[in-house]
C-alpha atoms as a PDB file:
ATOM      1  CA  MET A   1     -16.127  -0.566   9.380  1.00  0.00           C
ATOM      2  CA  SER A   2     -17.311   3.022   9.283  1.00  0.00           C
ATOM      3  CA  ASN A   3     -17.113   5.868   6.805  1.00  0.00           C
ATOM      4  CA  THR A   4     -17.486   9.558   7.462  1.00  0.00           C
ATOM      5  CA  GLN A   5     -17.230  12.378   4.998  1.00  0.00           C
ATOM      6  CA  ASN A   6     -13.538  12.718   5.816  1.00  0.00           C
ATOM      7  CA  SER A   7     -12.228   9.301   6.868  1.00  0.00           C
ATOM      8  CA  VAL A   8     -12.523   5.520   6.693  1.00  0.00           C
ATOM      9  CA  TYR A   9     -12.103   3.248   9.724  1.00  0.00           C
ATOM     10  CA  VAL A  10     -11.756  -0.535   9.404  1.00  0.00           C
ATOM     11  CA  GLU A  11     -11.843  -2.303  12.780  1.00  0.00           C
ATOM     12  CA  LYS A  12     -10.842  -5.726  11.378  1.00  0.00           C
ATOM     13  CA  ALA A  13      -8.382  -4.701   8.699  1.00  0.00           C
ATOM     14  CA  ARG A  14      -5.995  -7.671   8.661  1.00  0.00           C
ATOM     15  CA  GLY A  15      -6.648  -9.639   5.479  1.00  0.00           C
ATOM     16  CA  TYR A  16      -9.077  -7.029   4.082  1.00  0.00           C
ATOM     17  CA  ALA A  17      -8.829  -7.045   0.277  1.00  0.00           C
ATOM     18  CA  GLN A  18      -8.446  -3.796  -1.657  1.00  0.00           C
ATOM     19  CA  CYS A  19      -7.084  -2.342  -4.850  1.00  0.00           C
ATOM     20  CA  GLU A  20      -5.967   1.020  -6.178  1.00  0.00           C
ATOM     21  CA  ILE A  21      -6.186   3.085  -9.332  1.00  0.00           C
ATOM     22  CA  PHE A  22      -3.506   5.738  -9.943  1.00  0.00           C
ATOM     23  CA  LEU A  23      -4.605   8.622 -12.176  1.00  0.00           C
ATOM     24  CA  MET A  24      -1.433  10.312 -13.380  1.00  0.00           C
ATOM     25  CA  LYS A  25      -0.505  13.588 -15.028  1.00  0.00           C
ATOM     26  CA  ASN A  26       2.902  14.369 -16.460  1.00  0.00           C
ATOM     27  CA  GLU A  27       4.008  17.621 -14.839  1.00  0.00           C
ATOM     28  CA  ALA A  28       7.488  19.005 -15.547  1.00  0.00           C
ATOM     29  CA  GLY A  29       8.751  15.535 -16.359  1.00  0.00           C
ATOM     30  CA  ASN A  30       7.281  13.938 -13.228  1.00  0.00           C
ATOM     31  CA  LEU A  31       4.261  11.654 -12.960  1.00  0.00           C
ATOM     32  CA  GLU A  32       1.933  13.150 -10.328  1.00  0.00           C
ATOM     33  CA  ALA A  33      -0.667  10.647  -9.169  1.00  0.00           C
ATOM     34  CA  LEU A  34      -4.075  10.758  -7.516  1.00  0.00           C
ATOM     35  CA  VAL A  35      -4.430   7.462  -5.648  1.00  0.00           C
ATOM     36  CA  TYR A  36      -7.922   5.957  -5.460  1.00  0.00           C
ATOM     37  CA  ASN A  37      -8.583   3.016  -3.108  1.00  0.00           C
ATOM     38  CA  THR A  38     -11.590   0.713  -2.666  1.00  0.00           C
ATOM     39  CA  THR A  39     -11.217   0.342   1.125  1.00  0.00           C
ATOM     40  CA  GLY A  40     -14.426   1.143   2.958  1.00  0.00           C
ATOM     41  CA  LEU A  41     -16.523   0.732  -0.177  1.00  0.00           C
ATOM     42  CA  ASN A  42     -15.941  -2.831  -1.440  1.00  0.00           C
ATOM     43  CA  ASP A  43     -13.379  -5.647  -1.354  1.00  0.00           C
ATOM     44  CA  CYS A  44     -12.303  -5.171  -4.974  1.00  0.00           C
ATOM     45  CA  PRO A  45     -13.941  -8.233  -6.554  1.00  0.00           C
ATOM     46  CA  PRO A  46     -11.567  -9.567  -9.228  1.00  0.00           C
ATOM     47  CA  ALA A  47     -14.455 -10.138 -11.626  1.00  0.00           C
ATOM     48  CA  LYS A  48     -14.935  -6.370 -11.776  1.00  0.00           C
ATOM     49  CA  TYR A  49     -11.391  -5.133 -11.244  1.00  0.00           C
ATOM     50  CA  ASP A  50      -9.404  -7.425 -13.525  1.00  0.00           C
ATOM     51  CA  PRO A  51     -11.191  -6.499 -16.785  1.00  0.00           C
ATOM     52  CA  MET A  52     -10.595  -2.756 -16.299  1.00  0.00           C
ATOM     53  CA  ASP A  53      -8.504  -1.373 -19.152  1.00  0.00           C
ATOM     54  CA  ALA A  54      -6.005   1.233 -17.971  1.00  0.00           C
ATOM     55  CA  LYS A  55      -5.757   2.891 -21.383  1.00  0.00           C
ATOM     56  CA  VAL A  56      -9.530   3.252 -21.613  1.00  0.00           C
ATOM     57  CA  LEU A  57      -9.652   4.624 -18.052  1.00  0.00           C
ATOM     58  CA  ALA A  58      -6.997   7.187 -18.972  1.00  0.00           C
ATOM     59  CA  GLN A  59      -9.196   8.444 -21.797  1.00  0.00           C
ATOM     60  CA  LYS A  60     -12.314   8.511 -19.615  1.00  0.00           C
ATOM     61  CA  THR A  61     -10.585  10.380 -16.786  1.00  0.00           C
ATOM     62  CA  GLN A  62      -8.496  12.678 -19.012  1.00  0.00           C
ATOM     63  CA  SER A  63      -5.320  11.350 -17.388  1.00  0.00           C
ATOM     64  CA  ASP A  64      -1.980  11.091 -19.170  1.00  0.00           C
ATOM     65  CA  VAL A  65      -1.665   7.525 -17.927  1.00  0.00           C
ATOM     66  CA  VAL A  66      -3.521   5.211 -15.522  1.00  0.00           C
ATOM     67  CA  TRP A  67      -1.877   2.457 -13.489  1.00  0.00           C
ATOM     68  CA  LYS A  68      -3.732  -0.373 -11.738  1.00  0.00           C
ATOM     69  CA  ASN A  69      -2.141  -1.561  -8.502  1.00  0.00           C
ATOM     70  CA  PRO A  70      -2.782  -5.331  -8.281  1.00  0.00           C
ATOM     71  CA  ARG A  71      -5.283  -6.507  -5.670  1.00  0.00           C
ATOM     72  CA  ARG A  72      -3.701  -6.717  -2.214  1.00  0.00           C
ATOM     73  CA  PHE A  73      -4.552  -7.260   1.458  1.00  0.00           C
ATOM     74  CA  TRP A  74      -4.114  -4.957   4.456  1.00  0.00           C
ATOM     75  CA  MET A  75      -1.937  -6.329   7.282  1.00  0.00           C
ATOM     76  CA  MET A  76      -2.616  -4.028  10.256  1.00  0.00           C
ATOM     77  CA  ASP A  77      -5.358  -4.875  12.767  1.00  0.00           C
ATOM     78  CA  HIS A  78      -7.112  -1.487  12.782  1.00  0.00           C
ATOM     79  CA  LEU A  79      -6.916   1.025   9.948  1.00  0.00           C
ATOM     80  CA  THR A  80      -7.920   4.667   9.686  1.00  0.00           C
ATOM     81  CA  PHE A  81      -7.193   6.891   6.707  1.00  0.00           C
ATOM     82  CA  SER A  82      -8.380  10.271   5.568  1.00  0.00           C
ATOM     83  CA  ILE A  83     -10.322  10.814   2.377  1.00  0.00           C
ATOM     84  CA  ILE A  84      -8.963  13.800   0.476  1.00  0.00           C
ATOM     85  CA  GLY A  85     -11.590  14.076  -2.253  1.00  0.00           C
ATOM     86  CA  ASP A  86     -14.880  12.778  -3.572  1.00  0.00           C
ATOM     87  CA  PRO A  87     -15.282   9.062  -4.392  1.00  0.00           C
ATOM     88  CA  ARG A  88     -15.375   8.066  -8.052  1.00  0.00           C
ATOM     89  CA  ASP A  89     -16.873   5.192  -9.986  1.00  0.00           C
ATOM     90  CA  PHE A  90     -14.569   3.381 -12.407  1.00  0.00           C
ATOM     91  CA  ASP A  91     -16.332   0.757 -14.537  1.00  0.00           C
ATOM     92  CA  GLY A  92     -18.818  -0.108 -11.795  1.00  0.00           C
ATOM     93  CA  LEU A  93     -16.396  -0.098  -8.833  1.00  0.00           C
ATOM     94  CA  THR A  94     -16.354   2.815  -6.381  1.00  0.00           C
ATOM     95  CA  PHE A  95     -13.051   4.188  -5.065  1.00  0.00           C
ATOM     96  CA  ASN A  96     -12.126   6.741  -2.390  1.00  0.00           C
ATOM     97  CA  LEU A  97      -9.475   9.366  -3.137  1.00  0.00           C
ATOM     98  CA  ALA A  98      -6.949   8.404  -0.473  1.00  0.00           C
ATOM     99  CA  ALA A  99      -3.573   9.920  -1.355  1.00  0.00           C
ATOM    100  CA  LYS A 100      -1.348  11.874  -3.711  1.00  0.00           C
ATOM    101  CA  MET A 101       2.181  10.994  -4.714  1.00  0.00           C
ATOM    102  CA  GLN A 102       4.925  11.695  -7.193  1.00  0.00           C
ATOM    103  CA  MET A 103       5.907   8.446  -8.834  1.00  0.00           C
ATOM    104  CA  PRO A 104       9.594   7.422  -8.628  1.00  0.00           C
ATOM    105  CA  PRO A 105      11.800   8.356 -11.583  1.00  0.00           C
ATOM    106  CA  GLY A 106      11.611   5.724 -14.291  1.00  0.00           C
ATOM    107  CA  PHE A 107       8.369   4.235 -12.954  1.00  0.00           C
ATOM    108  CA  ASP A 108       7.093   1.740 -15.542  1.00  0.00           C
ATOM    109  CA  THR A 109       3.299   1.649 -15.713  1.00  0.00           C
ATOM    110  CA  THR A 110       3.453  -1.720 -17.514  1.00  0.00           C
ATOM    111  CA  LYS A 111       4.944  -3.356 -14.394  1.00  0.00           C
ATOM    112  CA  ASP A 112       3.931  -3.905 -10.778  1.00  0.00           C
ATOM    113  CA  GLN A 113       5.672  -2.400  -7.746  1.00  0.00           C
ATOM    114  CA  SER A 114       8.226  -5.199  -7.570  1.00  0.00           C
ATOM    115  CA  SER A 115      10.049  -3.263 -10.292  1.00  0.00           C
ATOM    116  CA  GLN A 116      10.802  -0.653  -7.582  1.00  0.00           C
ATOM    117  CA  ALA A 117      11.841  -3.242  -4.971  1.00  0.00           C
ATOM    118  CA  TYR A 118      13.916  -1.935  -2.066  1.00  0.00           C
ATOM    119  CA  SER A 119      13.801   1.629  -3.393  1.00  0.00           C
ATOM    120  CA  PRO A 120      12.051   3.790  -0.750  1.00  0.00           C
ATOM    121  CA  MET A 121       9.538   6.360  -1.946  1.00  0.00           C
ATOM    122  CA  LYS A 122       7.169   8.887  -0.383  1.00  0.00           C
ATOM    123  CA  ILE A 123       3.396   9.309  -0.523  1.00  0.00           C
ATOM    124  CA  HIS A 124       1.196  12.129   0.802  1.00  0.00           C
ATOM    125  CA  ARG A 125      -1.560  10.753   3.037  1.00  0.00           C
ATOM    126  CA  VAL A 126      -3.019  10.852   6.530  1.00  0.00           C
ATOM    127  CA  SER A 127      -3.423   7.423   8.096  1.00  0.00           C
ATOM    128  CA  LYS A 128      -3.256   5.470  11.340  1.00  0.00           C
ATOM    129  CA  TYR A 129      -2.127   1.847  11.403  1.00  0.00           C
ATOM    130  CA  GLU A 130      -2.636  -0.155  14.612  1.00  0.00           C
ATOM    131  CA  PHE A 131      -0.884  -3.509  15.042  1.00  0.00           C
ATOM    132  CA  LEU A 132      -2.020  -5.282  18.204  1.00  0.00           C
ATOM    133  CA  ALA A 133       0.053  -7.040  20.851  1.00  0.00           C
ATOM    134  CA  GLY A 134       0.135 -10.797  20.295  1.00  0.00           C
ATOM    135  CA  ARG A 135      -0.165 -10.433  16.513  1.00  0.00           C
ATOM    136  CA  MET A 136       2.645 -10.908  14.033  1.00  0.00           C
ATOM    137  CA  VAL A 137       4.249  -8.141  12.016  1.00  0.00           C
ATOM    138  CA  PHE A 138       6.485  -8.589   8.991  1.00  0.00           C
ATOM    139  CA  MET A 139       9.341  -6.161   8.588  1.00  0.00           C
ATOM    140  CA  LEU A 140      12.181  -5.010   6.390  1.00  0.00           C
ATOM    141  CA  ARG A 141      15.292  -3.302   7.738  1.00  0.00           C
ATOM    142  CA  SER A 142      17.140  -0.981   5.377  1.00  0.00           C
ATOM    143  CA  PRO A 143      20.917  -0.660   5.128  1.00  0.00           C
ATOM    144  CA  ASP A 144      20.639   2.689   6.962  1.00  0.00           C
ATOM    145  CA  ASN A 145      18.792   0.986   9.845  1.00  0.00           C
ATOM    146  CA  HIS A 146      15.233   2.093   9.177  1.00  0.00           C
ATOM    147  CA  THR A 147      12.434  -0.356   9.972  1.00  0.00           C
ATOM    148  CA  PHE A 148       9.602  -0.788   7.473  1.00  0.00           C
ATOM    149  CA  VAL A 149       6.460  -2.690   8.565  1.00  0.00           C
ATOM    150  CA  MET A 150       4.318  -4.566   6.040  1.00  0.00           C
ATOM    151  CA  GLN A 151       1.116  -2.670   5.322  1.00  0.00           C
ATOM    152  CA  THR A 152      -0.142  -4.874   2.475  1.00  0.00           C
ATOM    153  CA  TYR A 153       0.747  -8.146   0.810  1.00  0.00           C
ATOM    154  CA  THR A 154      -0.256  -9.372  -2.635  1.00  0.00           C
ATOM    155  CA  ASN A 155      -0.284 -12.708  -4.447  1.00  0.00           C
ATOM    156  CA  HIS A 156       0.056 -10.973  -7.809  1.00  0.00           C
ATOM    157  CA  VAL A 157       3.725 -11.973  -8.270  1.00  0.00           C
ATOM    158  CA  ASP A 158       3.789 -15.150  -6.174  1.00  0.00           C
ATOM    159  CA  ARG A 159       0.394 -16.757  -6.754  1.00  0.00           C
ATOM    160  CA  SER A 160       0.938 -19.201  -3.887  1.00  0.00           C
ATOM    161  CA  LEU A 161       1.486 -16.464  -1.284  1.00  0.00           C
ATOM    162  CA  THR A 162      -1.139 -16.418   1.469  1.00  0.00           C
ATOM    163  CA  GLU A 163      -1.238 -14.753   4.864  1.00  0.00           C
ATOM    164  CA  ASP A 164      -0.308 -17.959   6.701  1.00  0.00           C
ATOM    165  CA  LYS A 165       2.904 -18.187   4.652  1.00  0.00           C
ATOM    166  CA  LEU A 166       4.131 -14.693   5.549  1.00  0.00           C
ATOM    167  CA  PRO A 167       6.207 -15.835   8.588  1.00  0.00           C
ATOM    168  CA  ASP A 168       8.508 -17.639   6.116  1.00  0.00           C
ATOM    169  CA  LEU A 169       8.483 -14.832   3.539  1.00  0.00           C
ATOM    170  CA  GLY A 170      12.193 -14.228   4.064  1.00  0.00           C
ATOM    171  CA  LYS A 171      12.909 -17.516   2.287  1.00  0.00           C
ATOM    172  CA  ARG A 172      10.989 -16.307  -0.787  1.00  0.00           C
ATOM    173  CA  LEU A 173      12.463 -12.828  -1.040  1.00  0.00           C
ATOM    174  CA  LYS A 174      15.543 -11.876  -3.015  1.00  0.00           C
ATOM    175  CA  LEU A 175      16.651  -9.130  -0.666  1.00  0.00           C
ATOM    176  CA  ALA A 176      18.769  -6.294  -2.016  1.00  0.00           C
ATOM    177  CA  ALA A 177      22.243  -5.879  -0.538  1.00  0.00           C
ATOM    178  CA  GLY A 178      22.100  -4.734   3.080  1.00  0.00           C
ATOM    179  CA  TRP A 179      18.368  -5.366   3.541  1.00  0.00           C
ATOM    180  CA  GLN A 180      16.961  -7.775   6.148  1.00  0.00           C
ATOM    181  CA  PHE A 181      13.557  -9.397   6.751  1.00  0.00           C
ATOM    182  CA  LYS A 182      12.052 -10.350  10.100  1.00  0.00           C
ATOM    183  CA  ALA A 183       8.716 -11.772  11.293  1.00  0.00           C
ATOM    184  CA  LYS A 184       7.920 -11.001  14.931  1.00  0.00           C
ATOM    185  CA  THR A 185       5.064 -11.294  17.415  1.00  0.00           C
ATOM    186  CA  LEU A 186       4.447  -7.940  19.092  1.00  0.00           C
ATOM    187  CA  ASP A 187       4.586  -7.697  22.873  1.00  0.00           C
ATOM    188  CA  LYS A 188       2.796  -4.338  22.849  1.00  0.00           C
ATOM    189  CA  ASN A 189       0.594  -2.383  20.454  1.00  0.00           C
ATOM    190  CA  LEU A 190       2.401  -0.710  17.562  1.00  0.00           C
ATOM    191  CA  VAL A 191       0.875   2.492  16.174  1.00  0.00           C
ATOM    192  CA  ILE A 192       2.089   4.147  12.972  1.00  0.00           C
ATOM    193  CA  ASN A 193       0.402   7.527  12.723  1.00  0.00           C
ATOM    194  CA  THR A 194       1.133   9.411   9.490  1.00  0.00           C
ATOM    195  CA  THR A 195       0.007  13.029   9.320  1.00  0.00           C
ATOM    196  CA  GLY A 196       1.181  14.069   5.872  1.00  0.00           C
ATOM    197  CA  LEU A 197       4.119  12.224   4.355  1.00  0.00           C
ATOM    198  CA  ALA A 198       4.673   8.463   4.520  1.00  0.00           C
ATOM    199  CA  ASN A 199       7.871   6.611   3.651  1.00  0.00           C
ATOM    200  CA  ILE A 200       7.081   3.343   1.878  1.00  0.00           C
ATOM    201  CA  VAL A 201       9.035   0.594   0.135  1.00  0.00           C
ATOM    202  CA  PRO A 202       8.074  -2.538  -1.843  1.00  0.00           C
ATOM    203  CA  ASP A 203       9.863  -5.888  -1.761  1.00  0.00           C
ATOM    204  CA  ASP A 204      10.565  -7.982  -4.847  1.00  0.00           C
ATOM    205  CA  LEU A 205       7.166  -9.722  -4.573  1.00  0.00           C
ATOM    206  CA  ALA A 206       5.379  -6.328  -4.638  1.00  0.00           C
ATOM    207  CA  ASN A 207       4.386  -6.418  -0.965  1.00  0.00           C
ATOM    208  CA  MET A 208       4.407  -2.889   0.492  1.00  0.00           C
ATOM    209  CA  TYR A 209       5.861  -1.633   3.780  1.00  0.00           C
ATOM    210  CA  GLN A 210       5.457   1.591   5.800  1.00  0.00           C
ATOM    211  CA  GLY A 211       8.578   3.178   7.255  1.00  0.00           C
ATOM    212  CA  CYS A 212       9.045   3.865  10.962  1.00  0.00           C
ATOM    213  CA  ILE A 213      10.674   7.166  10.066  1.00  0.00           C
ATOM    214  CA  ASP A 214      10.234  10.799  11.171  1.00  0.00           C
ATOM    215  CA  GLY A 215       8.504   9.932  14.433  1.00  0.00           C
ATOM    216  CA  VAL A 216       5.352   8.329  12.985  1.00  0.00           C
ATOM    217  CA  ASN A 217       5.741   5.190  15.164  1.00  0.00           C
ATOM    218  CA  ASN A 218       5.311   4.857  18.931  1.00  0.00           C
ATOM    219  CA  PHE A 219       8.348   2.506  19.083  1.00  0.00           C
ATOM    220  CA  ASP A 220      10.688   0.628  16.736  1.00  0.00           C
ATOM    221  CA  PRO A 221       9.390  -2.964  16.545  1.00  0.00           C
ATOM    222  CA  TRP A 222      12.573  -4.421  15.033  1.00  0.00           C
END
């Protein structure tokens, strides 16, 4: 793992634990979020992260609302992402400013991302995901034939979910109409290189996927 002033690189990213804090402002009826992530700084120890009170953090940070993304695990083999602002300390944990996004209409800060299952959204970030040949990837296929590759999984909704159970995840998901799930071993390296706007979607267990949309991928792995 290496950090520079402008980026974070994790050589062994698969299974790396992280968590996120969203600092949100209500602007013209939309929730605009600054997304802070622990990657490159710590592995988000639950003993420190779990007790954080979002309402107290909102007061401390002068945010309209704060949302805690449950602890999750990266699923690419190599990860690079740009840092877009100075790191911040929240209750003893340090976070990098990694992205900005407008939250989906009706986003409920009392719920996790499974509440937005199978509803694609966009996030502003610069990142490079590398999935190596011979390793498994876990994918969703949308009704309009876009492939989304799992970037993180979480056991927040399904406490029994572990990385070794992901190949059978399709049996656990309640897929929306027209959506498909597939687990596949890559026969060549997959690179998803996002230079500004990423298309992402959660499943109904709050796992998150990156879209192979707008030319960010070197091939369609589906």
